[in-house]
Amino acid sequence: MILVIGSSEEYHSRHVYELLKSKGENVCYFDSRTIPERLPITWVASDNTIKGSLKIDGQKINLKDIKSVYWRWHYGIDITPADKTYNSRYIAHMIIRETISAIDSLFSVMDCLWVNSLDAIEMHKKKTYQLYVMAKNGIRVPKSLITNDRDEVMSFFDENNGQLIYKPVRGGASTEKLKTSDFTEERLNSLKISPVQFQEFIDGVDIRVYVIKDKIFAAEIHAKTIDFRDDRDAKIVPIELPENIKDDCLKIMKLLNLNFSGIDIRCSHTGEYVFIEANPSPMFAFFENKSGYPISEGLAELLIKGK
């Protein structure tokens, strides 16, 4: 049995699910929106081997029969309070808390192949910690500042000769180039509300690298925008990475405990490779279609093989 954390509504979840089914594999969606009422979970935490089961669409799945998990999209846990009273809201909060604890504990002990694990997913939510781990281990990353202090931003701007980009600390929005026109009182004062991530701007070309275990697929992305995701007409050109950069990619996979990743690199005009981030649950269909790389097949092969 292979679990796909996601649903048929999410493209990549469905794509991987259908590919695995076409190869004769038993596959189920683990859709967190059906927890706890429509996805009963039972497991024993007091033995030295994991015992328990899930019921998905009426099918009982023994935990020991799950050989791999593909984590694509976790919808979270959402419980609607019975009414607007404090007591109802408190009960809903406690149900969510208890359910998350039960699920996260289960995920942490399931002895199968994870693509990728709860720990890897959680680390990606702490993107700046991920950067720190890479930098600490000799990987070149952009000089980065996380702050909600206007004076620190202006100082960092000057230190980098006015060549900075900014983006959310956790992600979820496009990267923008920081300009002197951004230093209005209104914008600087709004910075107090929430920290922002500022990074040195690497003038060069974007490279996306997909790593499946030890298989590496890389391509340059020639976009007309600062953030290549904003250019749907960006040109994708398959390339062969230098051996030392391949080694760095594999090193990152080990450091971040990843079995599959989309690694973003920026190659400067002087030929310096700067690592931006490693996504543990990347979208890949568009890249695969444009590059011709067999990413779907490689991912399916990994999941079918299991641990």
C-alpha atoms as a PDB file:
ATOM      1  CA  MET A   1       0.000   0.000   0.000  1.00  0.00           C
ATOM      2  CA  ILE A   2       1.161   3.524  -0.863  1.00  0.00           C
ATOM      3  CA  LEU A   3      -0.371   6.590   0.775  1.00  0.00           C
ATOM      4  CA  VAL A   4      -0.631   9.885  -1.103  1.00  0.00           C
ATOM      5  CA  ILE A   5      -1.085  12.767   1.312  1.00  0.00           C
ATOM      6  CA  GLY A   6      -3.354  15.001  -0.731  1.00  0.00           C
ATOM      7  CA  SER A   7      -6.517  14.529  -2.769  1.00  0.00           C
ATOM      8  CA  SER A   8      -7.825  14.133  -6.301  1.00  0.00           C
ATOM      9  CA  GLU A   9      -8.499  17.891  -6.291  1.00  0.00           C
ATOM     10  CA  GLU A  10      -4.763  18.689  -6.199  1.00  0.00           C
ATOM     11  CA  TYR A  11      -3.091  18.090  -9.554  1.00  0.00           C
ATOM     12  CA  HIS A  12       0.215  16.528  -8.487  1.00  0.00           C
ATOM     13  CA  SER A  13      -1.452  14.302  -5.893  1.00  0.00           C
ATOM     14  CA  ARG A  14      -3.810  12.984  -8.574  1.00  0.00           C
ATOM     15  CA  HIS A  15      -1.019  12.665 -11.135  1.00  0.00           C
ATOM     16  CA  VAL A  16       1.118  10.481  -8.851  1.00  0.00           C
ATOM     17  CA  TYR A  17      -1.925   8.517  -7.628  1.00  0.00           C
ATOM     18  CA  GLU A  18      -3.067   7.680 -11.160  1.00  0.00           C
ATOM     19  CA  LEU A  19       0.441   6.780 -12.308  1.00  0.00           C
ATOM     20  CA  LEU A  20       0.870   4.358  -9.415  1.00  0.00           C
ATOM     21  CA  LYS A  21      -2.569   2.834 -10.054  1.00  0.00           C
ATOM     22  CA  SER A  22      -1.665   2.325 -13.724  1.00  0.00           C
ATOM     23  CA  LYS A  23       1.315   0.284 -12.553  1.00  0.00           C
ATOM     24  CA  GLY A  24      -0.921  -2.007 -10.514  1.00  0.00           C
ATOM     25  CA  GLU A  25      -0.115  -0.531  -7.103  1.00  0.00           C
ATOM     26  CA  ASN A  26      -2.548  -0.266  -4.176  1.00  0.00           C
ATOM     27  CA  VAL A  27      -2.851   3.458  -3.480  1.00  0.00           C
ATOM     28  CA  CYS A  28      -5.018   5.575  -1.168  1.00  0.00           C
ATOM     29  CA  TYR A  29      -5.353   9.280  -0.602  1.00  0.00           C
ATOM     30  CA  PHE A  30      -4.746  10.489   2.945  1.00  0.00           C
ATOM     31  CA  ASP A  31      -6.954  13.591   2.929  1.00  0.00           C
ATOM     32  CA  SER A  32      -6.642  15.335   6.284  1.00  0.00           C
ATOM     33  CA  ARG A  33      -9.976  17.114   5.752  1.00  0.00           C
ATOM     34  CA  THR A  34     -11.710  13.787   6.440  1.00  0.00           C
ATOM     35  CA  ILE A  35     -10.113  13.511   9.895  1.00  0.00           C
ATOM     36  CA  PRO A  36     -11.358  12.575  12.461  1.00  0.00           C
ATOM     37  CA  GLU A  37     -14.929  11.641  11.492  1.00  0.00           C
ATOM     38  CA  ARG A  38     -14.381   9.913   8.127  1.00  0.00           C
ATOM     39  CA  LEU A  39     -10.830   8.670   8.608  1.00  0.00           C
ATOM     40  CA  PRO A  40     -10.644   6.584  11.807  1.00  0.00           C
ATOM     41  CA  ILE A  41      -7.133   6.031  13.143  1.00  0.00           C
ATOM     42  CA  THR A  42      -6.060   3.390  15.637  1.00  0.00           C
ATOM     43  CA  TRP A  43      -2.514   2.647  16.712  1.00  0.00           C
ATOM     44  CA  VAL A  44      -0.612   1.201  19.652  1.00  0.00           C
ATOM     45  CA  ALA A  45       2.283   3.250  20.986  1.00  0.00           C
ATOM     46  CA  SER A  46       3.357   0.931  23.802  1.00  0.00           C
ATOM     47  CA  ASP A  47       4.943  -1.886  21.765  1.00  0.00           C
ATOM     48  CA  ASN A  48       8.365  -1.983  20.152  1.00  0.00           C
ATOM     49  CA  THR A  49       6.774  -2.409  16.722  1.00  0.00           C
ATOM     50  CA  ILE A  50       4.055  -0.228  15.294  1.00  0.00           C
ATOM     51  CA  LYS A  51       0.560  -1.729  15.300  1.00  0.00           C
ATOM     52  CA  GLY A  52      -2.634  -0.135  14.111  1.00  0.00           C
ATOM     53  CA  SER A  53      -4.752   0.782  11.145  1.00  0.00           C
ATOM     54  CA  LEU A  54      -6.411   3.501   9.109  1.00  0.00           C
ATOM     55  CA  LYS A  55      -9.842   3.325   7.536  1.00  0.00           C
ATOM     56  CA  ILE A  56      -9.966   5.183   4.252  1.00  0.00           C
ATOM     57  CA  ASP A  57     -13.202   5.126   2.237  1.00  0.00           C
ATOM     58  CA  GLY A  58     -14.283   2.119   4.271  1.00  0.00           C
ATOM     59  CA  GLN A  59     -11.085   0.191   3.544  1.00  0.00           C
ATOM     60  CA  LYS A  60      -9.078  -0.956   6.573  1.00  0.00           C
ATOM     61  CA  ILE A  61      -5.352  -0.453   6.023  1.00  0.00           C
ATOM     62  CA  ASN A  62      -2.892  -2.025   8.438  1.00  0.00           C
ATOM     63  CA  LEU A  63      -0.041   0.335   9.183  1.00  0.00           C
ATOM     64  CA  LYS A  64       2.513  -2.449   8.657  1.00  0.00           C
ATOM     65  CA  ASP A  65       1.294  -2.833   5.051  1.00  0.00           C
ATOM     66  CA  ILE A  66       2.148   0.758   4.114  1.00  0.00           C
ATOM     67  CA  LYS A  67       5.459   0.655   2.232  1.00  0.00           C
ATOM     68  CA  SER A  68       5.733   4.312   1.240  1.00  0.00           C
ATOM     69  CA  VAL A  69       4.121   7.729   1.629  1.00  0.00           C
ATOM     70  CA  TYR A  70       4.155  10.596  -0.870  1.00  0.00           C
ATOM     71  CA  TRP A  71       3.577  13.906   0.926  1.00  0.00           C
ATOM     72  CA  ARG A  72       2.175  16.346  -1.559  1.00  0.00           C
ATOM     73  CA  TRP A  73      -0.514  18.427   0.141  1.00  0.00           C
ATOM     74  CA  HIS A  74      -1.630  18.373   3.764  1.00  0.00           C
ATOM     75  CA  TYR A  75      -4.827  20.378   4.185  1.00  0.00           C
ATOM     76  CA  GLY A  76      -4.490  20.619   7.955  1.00  0.00           C
ATOM     77  CA  ILE A  77      -7.187  19.867  10.495  1.00  0.00           C
ATOM     78  CA  ASP A  78     -10.318  22.004  10.555  1.00  0.00           C
ATOM     79  CA  ILE A  79     -13.061  21.590  13.156  1.00  0.00           C
ATOM     80  CA  THR A  80     -16.033  23.949  13.090  1.00  0.00           C
ATOM     81  CA  PRO A  81     -17.260  25.034  16.540  1.00  0.00           C
ATOM     82  CA  ALA A  82     -20.869  24.082  17.310  1.00  0.00           C
ATOM     83  CA  ASP A  83     -21.644  27.744  17.892  1.00  0.00           C
ATOM     84  CA  LYS A  84     -19.877  31.048  18.598  1.00  0.00           C
ATOM     85  CA  THR A  85     -19.631  30.611  22.363  1.00  0.00           C
ATOM     86  CA  TYR A  86     -16.240  30.492  24.055  1.00  0.00           C
ATOM     87  CA  ASN A  87     -16.870  26.939  25.240  1.00  0.00           C
ATOM     88  CA  SER A  88     -17.606  25.653  21.719  1.00  0.00           C
ATOM     89  CA  ARG A  89     -14.564  27.405  20.282  1.00  0.00           C
ATOM     90  CA  TYR A  90     -12.409  25.986  23.067  1.00  0.00           C
ATOM     91  CA  ILE A  91     -13.680  22.447  22.436  1.00  0.00           C
ATOM     92  CA  ALA A  92     -12.981  22.790  18.694  1.00  0.00           C
ATOM     93  CA  HIS A  93      -9.489  24.059  19.486  1.00  0.00           C
ATOM     94  CA  MET A  94      -8.815  21.088  21.768  1.00  0.00           C
ATOM     95  CA  ILE A  95     -10.077  18.593  19.171  1.00  0.00           C
ATOM     96  CA  ILE A  96      -7.729  20.110  16.592  1.00  0.00           C
ATOM     97  CA  ARG A  97      -4.820  20.055  19.033  1.00  0.00           C
ATOM     98  CA  GLU A  98      -5.390  16.430  20.033  1.00  0.00           C
ATOM     99  CA  THR A  99      -5.892  15.275  16.455  1.00  0.00           C
ATOM    100  CA  ILE A 100      -2.721  16.995  15.223  1.00  0.00           C
ATOM    101  CA  SER A 101      -0.750  15.450  18.072  1.00  0.00           C
ATOM    102  CA  ALA A 102      -2.097  11.973  17.281  1.00  0.00           C
ATOM    103  CA  ILE A 103      -1.411  12.282  13.524  1.00  0.00           C
ATOM    104  CA  ASP A 104       2.053  13.812  13.907  1.00  0.00           C
ATOM    105  CA  SER A 105       3.018  11.137  16.436  1.00  0.00           C
ATOM    106  CA  LEU A 106       1.814   8.421  14.080  1.00  0.00           C
ATOM    107  CA  PHE A 107       3.684   9.895  11.113  1.00  0.00           C
ATOM    108  CA  SER A 108       6.852  10.096  13.194  1.00  0.00           C
ATOM    109  CA  VAL A 109       6.889   6.358  13.949  1.00  0.00           C
ATOM    110  CA  MET A 110       5.611   4.857  10.672  1.00  0.00           C
ATOM    111  CA  ASP A 111       8.502   2.700   9.497  1.00  0.00           C
ATOM    112  CA  CYS A 112       8.259   3.108   5.736  1.00  0.00           C
ATOM    113  CA  LEU A 113       9.714   5.242   2.951  1.00  0.00           C
ATOM    114  CA  TRP A 114       8.650   8.872   3.311  1.00  0.00           C
ATOM    115  CA  VAL A 115       8.749  11.240   0.346  1.00  0.00           C
ATOM    116  CA  ASN A 116       9.182  13.265   2.413  1.00  0.00           C
ATOM    117  CA  SER A 117       9.048  12.927   6.207  1.00  0.00           C
ATOM    118  CA  LEU A 118       7.174  15.113   8.670  1.00  0.00           C
ATOM    119  CA  ASP A 119      10.503  16.465   9.944  1.00  0.00           C
ATOM    120  CA  ALA A 120      11.579  17.447   6.425  1.00  0.00           C
ATOM    121  CA  ILE A 121       8.241  19.152   5.780  1.00  0.00           C
ATOM    122  CA  GLU A 122       8.428  21.007   9.082  1.00  0.00           C
ATOM    123  CA  MET A 123      11.973  22.193   8.384  1.00  0.00           C
ATOM    124  CA  HIS A 124      10.825  23.718   5.101  1.00  0.00           C
ATOM    125  CA  LYS A 125       8.336  25.822   7.046  1.00  0.00           C
ATOM    126  CA  LYS A 126      11.410  27.268   8.752  1.00  0.00           C
ATOM    127  CA  LYS A 127      13.074  28.323   5.504  1.00  0.00           C
ATOM    128  CA  THR A 128      15.649  30.539   7.148  1.00  0.00           C
ATOM    129  CA  TYR A 129      16.686  27.691   9.466  1.00  0.00           C
ATOM    130  CA  GLN A 130      17.086  25.538   6.353  1.00  0.00           C
ATOM    131  CA  LEU A 131      19.395  28.225   4.942  1.00  0.00           C
ATOM    132  CA  TYR A 132      21.349  28.266   8.199  1.00  0.00           C
ATOM    133  CA  VAL A 133      21.830  24.487   8.115  1.00  0.00           C
ATOM    134  CA  MET A 134      23.109  24.643   4.536  1.00  0.00           C
ATOM    135  CA  ALA A 135      25.446  27.571   5.241  1.00  0.00           C
ATOM    136  CA  LYS A 136      26.782  25.917   8.388  1.00  0.00           C
ATOM    137  CA  ASN A 137      27.737  22.908   6.280  1.00  0.00           C
ATOM    138  CA  GLY A 138      29.618  24.794   3.588  1.00  0.00           C
ATOM    139  CA  ILE A 139      26.831  25.400   1.062  1.00  0.00           C
ATOM    140  CA  ARG A 140      26.857  28.879  -0.509  1.00  0.00           C
ATOM    141  CA  VAL A 141      23.537  30.587   0.193  1.00  0.00           C
ATOM    142  CA  PRO A 142      22.522  34.232  -0.274  1.00  0.00           C
ATOM    143  CA  LYS A 143      23.294  36.673   2.500  1.00  0.00           C
ATOM    144  CA  SER A 144      19.968  36.885   4.295  1.00  0.00           C
ATOM    145  CA  LEU A 145      18.350  39.100   6.908  1.00  0.00           C
ATOM    146  CA  ILE A 146      15.062  38.415   8.683  1.00  0.00           C
ATOM    147  CA  THR A 147      13.777  41.471  10.491  1.00  0.00           C
ATOM    148  CA  ASN A 148      10.904  43.828  11.226  1.00  0.00           C
ATOM    149  CA  ASP A 149      13.308  46.638  12.166  1.00  0.00           C
ATOM    150  CA  ARG A 150      13.395  49.419   9.567  1.00  0.00           C
ATOM    151  CA  ASP A 151      16.889  50.570  10.527  1.00  0.00           C
ATOM    152  CA  GLU A 152      18.315  47.084  10.031  1.00  0.00           C
ATOM    153  CA  VAL A 153      16.771  46.856   6.565  1.00  0.00           C
ATOM    154  CA  MET A 154      18.207  50.186   5.480  1.00  0.00           C
ATOM    155  CA  SER A 155      21.642  49.243   6.801  1.00  0.00           C
ATOM    156  CA  PHE A 156      21.513  45.861   5.025  1.00  0.00           C
ATOM    157  CA  PHE A 157      20.424  47.646   1.837  1.00  0.00           C
ATOM    158  CA  ASP A 158      23.517  49.869   1.966  1.00  0.00           C
ATOM    159  CA  GLU A 159      25.833  46.940   2.795  1.00  0.00           C
ATOM    160  CA  ASN A 160      24.657  45.205  -0.388  1.00  0.00           C
ATOM    161  CA  ASN A 161      24.919  48.309  -2.603  1.00  0.00           C
ATOM    162  CA  GLY A 162      21.167  48.502  -2.980  1.00  0.00           C
ATOM    163  CA  GLN A 163      20.971  45.019  -4.526  1.00  0.00           C
ATOM    164  CA  LEU A 164      18.361  43.211  -2.436  1.00  0.00           C
ATOM    165  CA  ILE A 165      15.237  41.152  -2.936  1.00  0.00           C
ATOM    166  CA  TYR A 166      12.511  40.533  -0.351  1.00  0.00           C
ATOM    167  CA  LYS A 167      10.007  37.736   0.197  1.00  0.00           C
ATOM    168  CA  PRO A 168       7.932  36.138   2.976  1.00  0.00           C
ATOM    169  CA  VAL A 169       9.858  34.305   5.669  1.00  0.00           C
ATOM    170  CA  ARG A 170       7.788  31.157   5.152  1.00  0.00           C
ATOM    171  CA  GLY A 171       7.028  31.603   1.462  1.00  0.00           C
ATOM    172  CA  GLY A 172       3.757  31.726  -0.411  1.00  0.00           C
ATOM    173  CA  ALA A 173       4.270  34.955  -2.364  1.00  0.00           C
ATOM    174  CA  SER A 174       6.490  36.191  -5.179  1.00  0.00           C
ATOM    175  CA  THR A 175       9.991  37.526  -4.705  1.00  0.00           C
ATOM    176  CA  GLU A 176      10.378  41.244  -5.368  1.00  0.00           C
ATOM    177  CA  LYS A 177      13.375  43.529  -5.935  1.00  0.00           C
ATOM    178  CA  LEU A 178      13.806  46.115  -3.170  1.00  0.00           C
ATOM    179  CA  LYS A 179      13.947  49.680  -4.496  1.00  0.00           C
ATOM    180  CA  THR A 180      14.696  53.023  -2.880  1.00  0.00           C
ATOM    181  CA  SER A 181      11.105  53.992  -3.683  1.00  0.00           C
ATOM    182  CA  ASP A 182      10.021  51.292  -1.208  1.00  0.00           C
ATOM    183  CA  PHE A 183      11.484  53.320   1.665  1.00  0.00           C
ATOM    184  CA  THR A 184       8.385  55.389   2.318  1.00  0.00           C
ATOM    185  CA  GLU A 185       7.296  56.057   5.883  1.00  0.00           C
ATOM    186  CA  GLU A 186       4.131  54.072   5.317  1.00  0.00           C
ATOM    187  CA  ARG A 187       5.969  50.975   4.083  1.00  0.00           C
ATOM    188  CA  LEU A 188       8.751  51.179   6.655  1.00  0.00           C
ATOM    189  CA  ASN A 189       6.237  51.566   9.481  1.00  0.00           C
ATOM    190  CA  SER A 190       4.211  48.612   8.215  1.00  0.00           C
ATOM    191  CA  LEU A 191       7.326  46.463   8.621  1.00  0.00           C
ATOM    192  CA  LYS A 192       6.728  46.492  12.385  1.00  0.00           C
ATOM    193  CA  ILE A 193       3.701  44.255  11.919  1.00  0.00           C
ATOM    194  CA  SER A 194       5.602  41.225  10.646  1.00  0.00           C
ATOM    195  CA  PRO A 195       9.188  40.115   9.907  1.00  0.00           C
ATOM    196  CA  VAL A 196      10.255  39.937   6.269  1.00  0.00           C
ATOM    197  CA  GLN A 197      13.142  38.066   4.641  1.00  0.00           C
ATOM    198  CA  PHE A 198      15.657  40.200   2.744  1.00  0.00           C
ATOM    199  CA  GLN A 199      18.410  38.655   0.620  1.00  0.00           C
ATOM    200  CA  GLU A 200      21.254  39.774  -1.594  1.00  0.00           C
ATOM    201  CA  PHE A 201      20.181  39.892  -5.224  1.00  0.00           C
ATOM    202  CA  ILE A 202      22.166  37.409  -7.307  1.00  0.00           C
ATOM    203  CA  ASP A 203      22.224  38.744 -10.844  1.00  0.00           C
ATOM    204  CA  GLY A 204      22.210  35.681 -13.068  1.00  0.00           C
ATOM    205  CA  VAL A 205      20.115  32.756 -14.234  1.00  0.00           C
ATOM    206  CA  ASP A 206      17.759  30.508 -12.251  1.00  0.00           C
ATOM    207  CA  ILE A 207      18.408  26.773 -12.118  1.00  0.00           C
ATOM    208  CA  ARG A 208      15.877  24.232 -10.868  1.00  0.00           C
ATOM    209  CA  VAL A 209      17.271  20.852  -9.870  1.00  0.00           C
ATOM    210  CA  TYR A 210      15.088  17.834  -9.153  1.00  0.00           C
ATOM    211  CA  VAL A 211      16.788  15.143  -7.110  1.00  0.00           C
ATOM    212  CA  ILE A 212      15.172  11.712  -6.705  1.00  0.00           C
ATOM    213  CA  LYS A 213      17.366   9.817  -4.243  1.00  0.00           C
ATOM    214  CA  ASP A 214      20.654  10.115  -6.172  1.00  0.00           C
ATOM    215  CA  LYS A 215      19.242  10.942  -9.634  1.00  0.00           C
ATOM    216  CA  ILE A 216      19.745  14.573 -10.645  1.00  0.00           C
ATOM    217  CA  PHE A 217      17.789  16.486 -13.303  1.00  0.00           C
ATOM    218  CA  ALA A 218      18.742  20.129 -13.834  1.00  0.00           C
ATOM    219  CA  ALA A 219      17.642  22.922 -16.150  1.00  0.00           C
ATOM    220  CA  GLU A 220      18.149  26.629 -16.516  1.00  0.00           C
ATOM    221  CA  ILE A 221      14.994  28.727 -16.334  1.00  0.00           C
ATOM    222  CA  HIS A 222      15.172  31.832 -18.490  1.00  0.00           C
ATOM    223  CA  ALA A 223      12.456  34.154 -17.200  1.00  0.00           C
ATOM    224  CA  LYS A 224      11.657  37.817 -17.730  1.00  0.00           C
ATOM    225  CA  THR A 225      10.709  38.277 -14.078  1.00  0.00           C
ATOM    226  CA  ILE A 226      12.667  38.336 -10.802  1.00  0.00           C
ATOM    227  CA  ASP A 227      10.679  35.331  -9.623  1.00  0.00           C
ATOM    228  CA  PHE A 228      10.592  32.764 -12.449  1.00  0.00           C
ATOM    229  CA  ARG A 229       7.258  31.430 -11.169  1.00  0.00           C
ATOM    230  CA  ASP A 230       5.641  34.649 -12.392  1.00  0.00           C
ATOM    231  CA  ASP A 231       6.632  34.006 -16.006  1.00  0.00           C
ATOM    232  CA  ARG A 232       4.526  31.204 -17.503  1.00  0.00           C
ATOM    233  CA  ASP A 233       6.459  31.591 -20.760  1.00  0.00           C
ATOM    234  CA  ALA A 234       9.855  31.069 -19.149  1.00  0.00           C
ATOM    235  CA  LYS A 235      12.189  28.959 -21.271  1.00  0.00           C
ATOM    236  CA  ILE A 236      13.466  25.745 -19.641  1.00  0.00           C
ATOM    237  CA  VAL A 237      16.806  24.480 -20.932  1.00  0.00           C
ATOM    238  CA  PRO A 238      18.170  21.137 -19.643  1.00  0.00           C
ATOM    239  CA  ILE A 239      21.797  21.377 -18.496  1.00  0.00           C
ATOM    240  CA  GLU A 240      24.518  19.246 -16.941  1.00  0.00           C
ATOM    241  CA  LEU A 241      25.684  20.613 -13.605  1.00  0.00           C
ATOM    242  CA  PRO A 242      29.360  20.727 -12.613  1.00  0.00           C
ATOM    243  CA  GLU A 243      30.314  17.737 -10.465  1.00  0.00           C
ATOM    244  CA  ASN A 244      30.934  19.862  -7.357  1.00  0.00           C
ATOM    245  CA  ILE A 245      27.440  21.371  -7.618  1.00  0.00           C
ATOM    246  CA  LYS A 246      25.924  17.902  -8.022  1.00  0.00           C
ATOM    247  CA  ASP A 247      27.815  16.921  -4.873  1.00  0.00           C
ATOM    248  CA  ASP A 248      26.344  19.931  -3.064  1.00  0.00           C
ATOM    249  CA  CYS A 249      22.834  18.911  -4.161  1.00  0.00           C
ATOM    250  CA  LEU A 250      23.321  15.398  -2.762  1.00  0.00           C
ATOM    251  CA  LYS A 251      24.829  16.865   0.393  1.00  0.00           C
ATOM    252  CA  ILE A 252      21.709  19.009   0.865  1.00  0.00           C
ATOM    253  CA  MET A 253      19.504  15.938   0.447  1.00  0.00           C
ATOM    254  CA  LYS A 254      21.333  14.232   3.319  1.00  0.00           C
ATOM    255  CA  LEU A 255      21.431  17.332   5.522  1.00  0.00           C
ATOM    256  CA  LEU A 256      17.680  17.896   5.167  1.00  0.00           C
ATOM    257  CA  ASN A 257      16.723  14.194   5.175  1.00  0.00           C
ATOM    258  CA  LEU A 258      15.123  14.335   1.721  1.00  0.00           C
ATOM    259  CA  ASN A 259      14.362  11.550  -0.738  1.00  0.00           C
ATOM    260  CA  PHE A 260      12.898  13.888  -3.372  1.00  0.00           C
ATOM    261  CA  SER A 261      13.376  17.614  -3.742  1.00  0.00           C
ATOM    262  CA  GLY A 262      13.203  20.609  -6.022  1.00  0.00           C
ATOM    263  CA  ILE A 263      16.344  22.628  -5.322  1.00  0.00           C
ATOM    264  CA  ASP A 264      16.555  26.235  -6.485  1.00  0.00           C
ATOM    265  CA  ILE A 265      19.927  27.671  -7.443  1.00  0.00           C
ATOM    266  CA  ARG A 266      20.946  31.009  -8.883  1.00  0.00           C
ATOM    267  CA  CYS A 267      24.063  31.025 -11.064  1.00  0.00           C
ATOM    268  CA  SER A 268      25.621  34.492 -11.174  1.00  0.00           C
ATOM    269  CA  HIS A 269      27.106  36.033 -14.305  1.00  0.00           C
ATOM    270  CA  THR A 270      30.522  35.299 -12.798  1.00  0.00           C
ATOM    271  CA  GLY A 271      29.704  31.579 -12.598  1.00  0.00           C
ATOM    272  CA  GLU A 272      29.060  31.329  -8.853  1.00  0.00           C
ATOM    273  CA  TYR A 273      26.302  28.900  -7.813  1.00  0.00           C
ATOM    274  CA  VAL A 274      24.161  30.135  -4.913  1.00  0.00           C
ATOM    275  CA  PHE A 275      21.621  27.781  -3.319  1.00  0.00           C
ATOM    276  CA  ILE A 276      18.263  29.390  -2.530  1.00  0.00           C
ATOM    277  CA  GLU A 277      16.174  26.568  -1.026  1.00  0.00           C
ATOM    278  CA  ALA A 278      15.274  22.876  -1.196  1.00  0.00           C
ATOM    279  CA  ASN A 279      11.546  22.161  -1.474  1.00  0.00           C
ATOM    280  CA  PRO A 280      10.453  18.796   0.022  1.00  0.00           C
ATOM    281  CA  SER A 281       7.161  18.722  -1.912  1.00  0.00           C
ATOM    282  CA  PRO A 282       7.755  20.503  -5.208  1.00  0.00           C
ATOM    283  CA  MET A 283       5.457  20.774  -8.190  1.00  0.00           C
ATOM    284  CA  PHE A 284       7.142  19.211 -11.210  1.00  0.00           C
ATOM    285  CA  ALA A 285       4.648  18.545 -14.034  1.00  0.00           C
ATOM    286  CA  PHE A 286       5.294  21.817 -15.905  1.00  0.00           C
ATOM    287  CA  PHE A 287       9.059  21.376 -15.608  1.00  0.00           C
ATOM    288  CA  GLU A 288       8.831  17.749 -16.705  1.00  0.00           C
ATOM    289  CA  ASN A 289       6.713  18.645 -19.718  1.00  0.00           C
ATOM    290  CA  LYS A 290       9.109  21.380 -20.840  1.00  0.00           C
ATOM    291  CA  SER A 291      12.369  19.545 -20.102  1.00  0.00           C
ATOM    292  CA  GLY A 292      11.451  15.990 -21.062  1.00  0.00           C
ATOM    293  CA  TYR A 293      13.000  14.652 -17.858  1.00  0.00           C
ATOM    294  CA  PRO A 294      11.329  11.442 -16.504  1.00  0.00           C
ATOM    295  CA  ILE A 295      10.568  12.855 -13.070  1.00  0.00           C
ATOM    296  CA  SER A 296       7.177  11.155 -12.694  1.00  0.00           C
ATOM    297  CA  GLU A 297       8.653   7.752 -13.521  1.00  0.00           C
ATOM    298  CA  GLY A 298      11.564   8.255 -11.157  1.00  0.00           C
ATOM    299  CA  LEU A 299       9.250   9.283  -8.331  1.00  0.00           C
ATOM    300  CA  ALA A 300       6.902   6.345  -8.977  1.00  0.00           C
ATOM    301  CA  GLU A 301       9.842   3.933  -9.050  1.00  0.00           C
ATOM    302  CA  LEU A 302      11.037   5.266  -5.695  1.00  0.00           C
ATOM    303  CA  LEU A 303       7.600   4.918  -4.082  1.00  0.00           C
ATOM    304  CA  ILE A 304       7.032   1.421  -5.476  1.00  0.00           C
ATOM    305  CA  LYS A 305      10.402   0.203  -4.223  1.00  0.00           C
ATOM    306  CA  GLY A 306       9.717   1.493  -0.709  1.00  0.00           C
ATOM    307  CA  LYS A 307      12.240   1.568   2.096  1.00  0.00           C
END
